Amino acid sequence: MESKYSYQFTKSAKNDLEQILHYIKVELNNPTAATSFINKFQESVTNIQLFPNSWPKVINKFLPEYIIIRKKLINNYILYYSVNDNLKSIIILRIVFSHRDTDNILKNKNL
């Protein structure tokens, strides 16, 4: 088995995750679903750590070709991340609702 890559969150990604969990737990009043989401999220991050280049690259007109960002769907959310193979590390950039306007996020450099 390959060794795991380390990972870290951007401030935006930490904030995204906190807001998602708050929304599910408090706004939707569904703590069970919040627990289920965090478990699936942790499982997804572990899979990314083991196989970081397995998920699709983000292709977007607002991203320069030299910037490689990948994405992984987790329920109704997309986890955006970048990989540094030299350092064996992953940066979790954002976690956003899958129906948000990706062009707008990328155009405004909100990743």
N, C-alpha and C. Protein backbone atom coordinates (compact mmCIF):
# COMPACT_ATOMS: atom_id res chain seq x y z
N MET A 1 0.84 -1.19 0.00
CA MET A 1 0.00 0.00 0.00
C MET A 1 0.88 1.24 0.00
N GLU A 2 0.45 2.25 -0.74
CA GLU A 2 1.19 3.51 -0.77
C GLU A 2 1.12 4.19 0.59
N SER A 3 2.11 5.04 0.85
CA SER A 3 2.06 5.80 2.09
C SER A 3 1.06 6.94 1.95
N LYS A 4 0.50 7.32 3.07
CA LYS A 4 -0.47 8.41 3.07
C LYS A 4 0.21 9.75 2.91
N TYR A 5 -0.42 10.62 2.16
CA TYR A 5 0.01 12.00 2.07
C TYR A 5 -0.51 12.72 3.31
N SER A 6 0.21 13.73 3.76
CA SER A 6 -0.30 14.57 4.84
C SER A 6 -1.33 15.53 4.22
N TYR A 7 -2.12 16.16 5.07
CA TYR A 7 -3.08 17.14 4.54
C TYR A 7 -3.25 18.29 5.51
N GLN A 8 -3.70 19.40 4.93
CA GLN A 8 -4.04 20.56 5.74
C GLN A 8 -5.20 21.29 5.08
N PHE A 9 -5.91 22.05 5.88
CA PHE A 9 -7.04 22.84 5.41
C PHE A 9 -6.63 24.29 5.22
N THR A 10 -7.19 24.94 4.22
CA THR A 10 -7.10 26.39 4.17
C THR A 10 -8.12 26.93 5.18
N LYS A 11 -8.00 28.21 5.50
CA LYS A 11 -8.99 28.82 6.40
C LYS A 11 -10.38 28.73 5.80
N SER A 12 -10.47 28.93 4.50
CA SER A 12 -11.77 28.84 3.82
C SER A 12 -12.38 27.45 3.94
N ALA A 13 -11.56 26.42 3.79
CA ALA A 13 -12.06 25.05 3.88
C ALA A 13 -12.53 24.72 5.29
N LYS A 14 -11.77 25.18 6.30
CA LYS A 14 -12.21 24.97 7.69
C LYS A 14 -13.55 25.63 7.93
N ASN A 15 -13.67 26.85 7.46
CA ASN A 15 -14.92 27.59 7.61
C ASN A 15 -16.06 26.90 6.87
N ASP A 16 -15.78 26.42 5.65
CA ASP A 16 -16.80 25.69 4.88
C ASP A 16 -17.31 24.49 5.66
N LEU A 17 -16.39 23.70 6.20
CA LEU A 17 -16.78 22.49 6.92
C LEU A 17 -17.61 22.83 8.15
N GLU A 18 -17.20 23.84 8.90
CA GLU A 18 -17.96 24.26 10.08
C GLU A 18 -19.37 24.70 9.69
N GLN A 19 -19.48 25.46 8.61
CA GLN A 19 -20.79 25.94 8.16
C GLN A 19 -21.68 24.80 7.68
N ILE A 20 -21.10 23.85 6.98
CA ILE A 20 -21.87 22.69 6.50
C ILE A 20 -22.42 21.90 7.68
N LEU A 21 -21.55 21.62 8.65
CA LEU A 21 -21.99 20.85 9.82
C LEU A 21 -23.04 21.60 10.62
N HIS A 22 -22.86 22.90 10.78
CA HIS A 22 -23.85 23.71 11.49
C HIS A 22 -25.19 23.68 10.75
N TYR A 23 -25.14 23.84 9.45
CA TYR A 23 -26.37 23.83 8.65
C TYR A 23 -27.11 22.50 8.81
N ILE A 24 -26.40 21.40 8.69
CA ILE A 24 -27.05 20.09 8.78
C ILE A 24 -27.57 19.85 10.20
N LYS A 25 -26.72 20.13 11.18
CA LYS A 25 -27.07 19.82 12.57
C LYS A 25 -28.14 20.76 13.13
N VAL A 26 -27.98 22.07 12.91
CA VAL A 26 -28.85 23.06 13.54
C VAL A 26 -30.00 23.48 12.63
N GLU A 27 -29.66 23.95 11.42
CA GLU A 27 -30.71 24.45 10.53
C GLU A 27 -31.66 23.34 10.08
N LEU A 28 -31.09 22.20 9.73
CA LEU A 28 -31.93 21.07 9.32
C LEU A 28 -32.38 20.22 10.51
N ASN A 29 -31.80 20.53 11.68
CA ASN A 29 -32.11 19.81 12.92
C ASN A 29 -31.91 18.30 12.74
N ASN A 30 -30.73 17.95 12.19
CA ASN A 30 -30.46 16.54 11.91
C ASN A 30 -29.04 16.18 12.32
N PRO A 31 -28.81 16.03 13.64
CA PRO A 31 -27.46 15.68 14.11
C PRO A 31 -26.95 14.35 13.56
N THR A 32 -27.86 13.42 13.32
CA THR A 32 -27.45 12.12 12.77
C THR A 32 -26.85 12.29 11.38
N ALA A 33 -27.48 13.12 10.56
CA ALA A 33 -26.96 13.38 9.21
C ALA A 33 -25.63 14.12 9.27
N ALA A 34 -25.47 15.01 10.25
CA ALA A 34 -24.20 15.72 10.42
C ALA A 34 -23.09 14.74 10.76
N THR A 35 -23.37 13.80 11.65
CA THR A 35 -22.39 12.78 12.00
C THR A 35 -22.06 11.91 10.79
N SER A 36 -23.08 11.55 10.04
CA SER A 36 -22.88 10.75 8.84
C SER A 36 -22.01 11.50 7.83
N PHE A 37 -22.27 12.80 7.67
CA PHE A 37 -21.47 13.59 6.73
C PHE A 37 -20.01 13.65 7.16
N ILE A 38 -19.75 13.91 8.44
CA ILE A 38 -18.35 14.02 8.88
C ILE A 38 -17.64 12.69 8.73
N ASN A 39 -18.34 11.58 8.96
CA ASN A 39 -17.73 10.26 8.76
C ASN A 39 -17.38 10.04 7.29
N LYS A 40 -18.30 10.39 6.41
CA LYS A 40 -18.04 10.24 4.97
C LYS A 40 -16.93 11.19 4.53
N PHE A 41 -16.91 12.39 5.09
CA PHE A 41 -15.86 13.35 4.79
C PHE A 41 -14.49 12.79 5.19
N GLN A 42 -14.39 12.26 6.41
CA GLN A 42 -13.12 11.70 6.88
C GLN A 42 -12.69 10.51 6.04
N GLU A 43 -13.63 9.68 5.65
CA GLU A 43 -13.32 8.54 4.77
C GLU A 43 -12.80 9.04 3.41
N SER A 44 -13.41 10.08 2.89
CA SER A 44 -12.98 10.65 1.61
C SER A 44 -11.58 11.23 1.70
N VAL A 45 -11.28 11.94 2.78
CA VAL A 45 -9.94 12.51 2.96
C VAL A 45 -8.91 11.39 3.05
N THR A 46 -9.23 10.32 3.76
CA THR A 46 -8.31 9.18 3.84
C THR A 46 -8.06 8.59 2.46
N ASN A 47 -9.10 8.44 1.66
CA ASN A 47 -8.94 7.92 0.29
C ASN A 47 -8.07 8.85 -0.55
N ILE A 48 -8.27 10.16 -0.39
CA ILE A 48 -7.45 11.12 -1.12
C ILE A 48 -6.00 11.03 -0.67
N GLN A 49 -5.78 10.84 0.63
CA GLN A 49 -4.41 10.69 1.14
C GLN A 49 -3.71 9.49 0.52
N LEU A 50 -4.44 8.42 0.31
CA LEU A 50 -3.85 7.20 -0.24
C LEU A 50 -3.68 7.27 -1.76
N PHE A 51 -4.63 7.89 -2.43
CA PHE A 51 -4.63 7.95 -3.90
C PHE A 51 -4.94 9.37 -4.36
N PRO A 52 -4.05 10.31 -4.10
CA PRO A 52 -4.36 11.73 -4.30
C PRO A 52 -4.65 12.15 -5.74
N ASN A 53 -4.13 11.43 -6.70
CA ASN A 53 -4.32 11.84 -8.10
C ASN A 53 -5.42 11.05 -8.81
N SER A 54 -6.25 10.37 -8.03
CA SER A 54 -7.29 9.52 -8.61
C SER A 54 -8.56 10.26 -8.99
N TRP A 55 -8.78 11.43 -8.45
CA TRP A 55 -10.03 12.15 -8.73
C TRP A 55 -9.81 13.18 -9.82
N PRO A 56 -10.89 13.58 -10.47
CA PRO A 56 -10.76 14.43 -11.67
C PRO A 56 -10.17 15.80 -11.39
N LYS A 57 -9.47 16.28 -12.41
CA LYS A 57 -8.96 17.65 -12.37
C LYS A 57 -10.11 18.60 -12.69
N VAL A 58 -10.03 19.77 -12.09
CA VAL A 58 -11.01 20.81 -12.40
C VAL A 58 -10.57 21.49 -13.69
N ILE A 59 -11.42 21.46 -14.67
CA ILE A 59 -11.15 22.14 -15.94
C ILE A 59 -12.06 23.37 -15.97
N ASN A 60 -11.43 24.53 -16.01
CA ASN A 60 -12.21 25.76 -15.96
C ASN A 60 -11.45 26.89 -16.63
N LYS A 61 -12.15 27.71 -17.37
CA LYS A 61 -11.52 28.80 -18.12
C LYS A 61 -10.87 29.85 -17.22
N PHE A 62 -11.24 29.89 -15.95
CA PHE A 62 -10.67 30.88 -15.03
C PHE A 62 -9.42 30.38 -14.31
N LEU A 63 -9.09 29.10 -14.50
CA LEU A 63 -7.89 28.54 -13.88
C LEU A 63 -6.76 28.51 -14.89
N PRO A 64 -5.60 29.06 -14.54
CA PRO A 64 -4.45 28.92 -15.44
C PRO A 64 -4.11 27.43 -15.60
N GLU A 65 -3.58 27.07 -16.76
CA GLU A 65 -3.29 25.66 -17.05
C GLU A 65 -2.28 25.05 -16.08
N TYR A 66 -1.40 25.87 -15.53
CA TYR A 66 -0.36 25.33 -14.64
C TYR A 66 -0.88 25.06 -13.23
N ILE A 67 -2.08 25.50 -12.91
CA ILE A 67 -2.66 25.22 -11.59
C ILE A 67 -3.54 23.99 -11.70
N ILE A 68 -3.21 22.97 -10.93
CA ILE A 68 -3.99 21.74 -10.96
C ILE A 68 -4.76 21.61 -9.65
N ILE A 69 -6.06 21.64 -9.79
CA ILE A 69 -6.95 21.45 -8.66
C ILE A 69 -7.81 20.24 -8.98
N ARG A 70 -8.00 19.40 -7.99
CA ARG A 70 -8.82 18.21 -8.16
C ARG A 70 -10.08 18.36 -7.32
N LYS A 71 -11.06 17.50 -7.62
CA LYS A 71 -12.32 17.57 -6.88
C LYS A 71 -12.84 16.18 -6.57
N LYS A 72 -13.51 16.08 -5.43
CA LYS A 72 -14.14 14.83 -5.02
C LYS A 72 -15.52 15.15 -4.48
N LEU A 73 -16.51 14.44 -4.99
CA LEU A 73 -17.88 14.64 -4.55
C LEU A 73 -18.12 13.89 -3.23
N ILE A 74 -18.69 14.61 -2.27
CA ILE A 74 -19.07 14.01 -0.99
C ILE A 74 -20.52 14.41 -0.74
N ASN A 75 -21.42 13.48 -0.92
CA ASN A 75 -22.86 13.76 -0.86
C ASN A 75 -23.18 14.91 -1.82
N ASN A 76 -23.71 16.01 -1.31
CA ASN A 76 -24.06 17.14 -2.16
C ASN A 76 -22.99 18.22 -2.17
N TYR A 77 -21.79 17.89 -1.77
CA TYR A 77 -20.71 18.86 -1.66
C TYR A 77 -19.51 18.42 -2.48
N ILE A 78 -18.75 19.40 -2.94
CA ILE A 78 -17.52 19.11 -3.68
C ILE A 78 -16.34 19.58 -2.85
N LEU A 79 -15.41 18.67 -2.63
CA LEU A 79 -14.17 18.99 -1.95
C LEU A 79 -13.13 19.31 -3.02
N TYR A 80 -12.60 20.52 -2.99
CA TYR A 80 -11.54 20.94 -3.92
C TYR A 80 -10.21 20.85 -3.19
N TYR A 81 -9.21 20.27 -3.87
CA TYR A 81 -7.91 20.13 -3.23
C TYR A 81 -6.79 20.19 -4.26
N SER A 82 -5.60 20.47 -3.77
CA SER A 82 -4.41 20.43 -4.62
C SER A 82 -3.42 19.45 -4.02
N VAL A 83 -2.56 18.92 -4.86
CA VAL A 83 -1.60 17.89 -4.45
C VAL A 83 -0.19 18.39 -4.71
N ASN A 84 0.68 18.17 -3.74
CA ASN A 84 2.10 18.40 -3.94
C ASN A 84 2.79 17.04 -3.79
N ASP A 85 3.10 16.42 -4.93
CA ASP A 85 3.70 15.08 -4.90
C ASP A 85 5.11 15.10 -4.32
N ASN A 86 5.83 16.18 -4.51
CA ASN A 86 7.19 16.27 -3.96
C ASN A 86 7.19 16.24 -2.44
N LEU A 87 6.24 16.96 -1.85
CA LEU A 87 6.14 17.01 -0.38
C LEU A 87 5.19 15.96 0.18
N LYS A 88 4.55 15.21 -0.72
CA LYS A 88 3.55 14.21 -0.31
C LYS A 88 2.50 14.85 0.60
N SER A 89 1.95 15.95 0.09
CA SER A 89 0.95 16.67 0.89
C SER A 89 -0.24 17.10 0.02
N ILE A 90 -1.35 17.31 0.70
CA ILE A 90 -2.60 17.73 0.09
C ILE A 90 -3.07 18.98 0.81
N ILE A 91 -3.56 19.93 0.04
CA ILE A 91 -4.18 21.11 0.64
C ILE A 91 -5.65 21.08 0.27
N ILE A 92 -6.50 21.01 1.28
CA ILE A 92 -7.94 21.06 1.07
C ILE A 92 -8.30 22.53 0.95
N LEU A 93 -8.74 22.92 -0.24
CA LEU A 93 -8.95 24.33 -0.56
C LEU A 93 -10.34 24.83 -0.17
N ARG A 94 -11.35 24.11 -0.57
CA ARG A 94 -12.74 24.50 -0.30
C ARG A 94 -13.61 23.25 -0.25
N ILE A 95 -14.77 23.38 0.41
CA ILE A 95 -15.81 22.37 0.40
C ILE A 95 -17.10 23.14 0.14
N VAL A 96 -17.66 22.98 -1.04
CA VAL A 96 -18.81 23.81 -1.42
C VAL A 96 -19.98 22.96 -1.90
N PHE A 97 -21.16 23.52 -1.76
CA PHE A 97 -22.38 22.87 -2.23
C PHE A 97 -22.24 22.64 -3.74
N SER A 98 -22.59 21.47 -4.18
CA SER A 98 -22.33 21.08 -5.57
C SER A 98 -23.10 21.90 -6.60
N HIS A 99 -24.15 22.58 -6.18
CA HIS A 99 -24.93 23.38 -7.14
C HIS A 99 -24.54 24.85 -7.16
N ARG A 100 -23.45 25.18 -6.47
CA ARG A 100 -22.96 26.56 -6.52
C ARG A 100 -22.30 26.83 -7.86
N ASP A 101 -22.15 28.08 -8.18
CA ASP A 101 -21.56 28.51 -9.44
C ASP A 101 -20.03 28.41 -9.35
N THR A 102 -19.48 27.32 -9.87
CA THR A 102 -18.03 27.09 -9.81
C THR A 102 -17.27 28.17 -10.55
N ASP A 103 -17.78 28.62 -11.68
CA ASP A 103 -17.11 29.70 -12.42
C ASP A 103 -16.91 30.92 -11.54
N ASN A 104 -17.94 31.27 -10.80
CA ASN A 104 -17.85 32.44 -9.93
C ASN A 104 -16.82 32.24 -8.82
N ILE A 105 -16.79 31.05 -8.26
CA ILE A 105 -15.81 30.75 -7.20
C ILE A 105 -14.40 30.87 -7.76
N LEU A 106 -14.16 30.31 -8.93
CA LEU A 106 -12.82 30.33 -9.52
C LEU A 106 -12.45 31.72 -10.04
N LYS A 107 -13.41 32.39 -10.64
CA LYS A 107 -13.15 33.72 -11.20
C LYS A 107 -12.74 34.70 -10.10
N ASN A 108 -13.36 34.57 -8.94
CA ASN A 108 -13.07 35.47 -7.83
C ASN A 108 -11.97 34.93 -6.92
N LYS A 109 -11.30 33.89 -7.40
CA LYS A 109 -10.18 33.28 -6.66
C LYS A 109 -10.60 32.89 -5.24
N ASN A 110 -11.79 32.32 -5.13
CA ASN A 110 -12.30 31.90 -3.82
C ASN A 110 -11.96 30.46 -3.50
N LEU A 111 -10.96 29.92 -4.16
CA LEU A 111 -10.54 28.55 -3.85
C LEU A 111 -9.40 28.53 -2.91
